[in-house]
């Protein structure tokens, strides 16, 4: 929304850019929902019933749409909340787990790594 403000109003790019952003967002929905849908399919459907899988995916998309409509006025707080839950493990916990998995320290090395 901010980028087109710097472009001339009569430019065709300033009219096309919001449309391109909306289309890119629309086409990205299946990409970011696929990992969650695959995990939920295992727990809720359990079978290979295509209609149950499609219904579960439709409910997931509608649920995301409802959450976005409810939280549209406080999107900054919502992004901060999601960022606090997702970025803290990404920054502090996952690198340590990867280090322990790759190096597999033993004995005093574990204490040295924890101290660092």
Foldseek 3Di string as FASTA:
>chain_A
DPVLVPPDPPDVCSVVVVVVVVVVVVVCVCVVCVVVLVVVCCVPVVDPPPVVSVVVVVVVVVVVVVVCVVCVVPVVVVVVVVCVVPVVCVVPPVVLVVCCVVVVDDDVVVVVSVVD
